[in-house]
């Protein structure tokens, strides 16, 4: 019997279904070896040689692999087709102790055809990919293991730092500081409600809104109410007529197929999911053989998949939805591996047996893939310019409208709203002609203020990280999860806010390790790891170039840096124990807690609970609060615990 080794039981079951009883398929349950937990595990003097150990919880798995490998006729390592998968394959081969040399097989989708192809063309472990993964692991260990104790000493025990996570926190902290410094500038807009004048009272005559744009040929900027009132008075005395109508057809091309970051952004925007949840659901779809590999920064598509998609479109939607030739999309990411594909369904027959989250994400992927091979939507865009003339001035007002002439790829998404540059919905316009007289029904001056830059949400944060070249498909989700688990940032209404702890750590690192948190430096390090994977750079010089300046700076900072105080949040309440201090919110290892401002003189403390508005405990009627486990995972529970044991991982729906 031949042996195949993969990472997960689900993937093992799917392969077993395709391969039958002649194969034994075992799962490693992730990495079987790693650097030791309680020491550095890197011999810097010996060219950064890593010390890999098998953890106690993986010993049974390793023993099973060793035993099975001795009984196997052939051994295939079928771990995922990326650096982490290659490293797992390497470590399995290193510990199994078999006389047989294992073969490495890779596939980007778990289908019968892909598996048969891989088995027919086995290869060897790609040591360049292994070296790249090893370099990343060592880099992360060196930064974390060397920098974290300094943070313990200068800020607070239990803190940690990381190459990519610290840069991500920097983005969120700096955005918050931009928002705090932002000074809104007042401006005014004037909107009119106009009606086509047909003579006499015609309540059913067409009406439309028009926004003031120009005065005497110049773009109009209204800075205050005095200016707005003067213009409104002028417009009330004006006569109105249609001055110009400009129509043009606009093609709305489909979006490219999903990369990992595109999928995470779409799931965040459309489904409200975290990147972590998206990757968990995608992992399940991939391991069930329903989608291609979900960690990719390539928009390439297999020719066979494209042709199959075109056949499907022609058969199910008609020739008018099918372009003359296939659509191919250029991969924008510098690090993308051209052999990898975008994320797509493995078959075009929809999977009706799917339900819940799996169905939601599968449908998102299916629609995106099919849409990318369809004809563009065609929209007739119209700009109607109205002229308002009085004895002193000539004003121009604009109304934008859009009519969908052909839905194209949008047929998959139903009605799609047209949005203008300011985010306003574009409406369909009534029939009007140049020279038509108009009646002024309403004048609406509106005070507005310029807005600060928006806080990052999951989608915009991932997009920014990708644009800066920081992180890779496999790192976005764990990075965003880590900075929340460590209480450096928190999410409120889908937006990221830095905590006082996150600000303190970021400011300390920016003062003393600005080069490590530099965006270009971090991006260059990612490029270096890509170069190691591509065989154009070696691991040891890359590590040495980073480590020796870093450790020298670390030693200097340890001598000169002063201890940093983490800012607390006031609650406005007095300490119930000493009556002298006030109750403040602090951030500890397991999240926020309440404490006396006189700590350590007064040791009073209490849990910090966030009440869930609009919901009562279904068991006892008490308030429901948001809490965290000791591992940092959030949950919802009753404020009356332990008398009431209601708890839920899901946020309760509002009542009433």
Foldseek 3Di string as FASTA:
>chain_A
DAEEEEADPLLQVLLCVLPDDVYDYYHQVFAQKDADDPDLQFDVVVLRDGHIDGDPVRPVVLVVLLVVLQVHPAYEYEYEDALRSLLRSVVSQVRSPHPHRHWYFYFQFSDNVRVVVRVVDTHHRQVLSPQLVVLQRSQQSLQFVLVQVLCCVFENPPDTDGLQLLLLLVVQLVLVVLQVPDDKFKWKWKKFKKFFDPDDDDPPTFIDMWTWADKQPHGDTGRDVVSVVVVVVVLVQWWKFFADKDKDKDWAAADFAAALLNLQLCCCVPVVDFSQVSVVLVVSCRSNRFKTHRFFQDSADDPVVQVLLLVVCCVPPNPQFADPDFDGDGRPAPLGDNVHHGIATPDLPDDPPDDDPNNVSNLVNHLSHSLNRTGTWMKIKMKTWMWIDDPPIIIIIIAIAIDTPGCRSCVSVPDDFDADPVRHTHHHGDDDDGGGTMDTDDMDMDMDIDHRDDADFNSNSSVVCSVLQADGSVVSRVSVVVCVLQQQWDADPRGIHGALVVNQVSVVCCVQPVLSSDSNNNNVLSVQSSCSSVVNDGSSVSSVVPNPVVVVSSVVCSVPPHRDYRDWAFDPAADPPPRPFGWTWDADRQGIWIATPPPPVDGDIGGDWAWDPQDADPPPRATKTWGADSSNQIWIAGPPPPVDGDIGSDDDDGDD
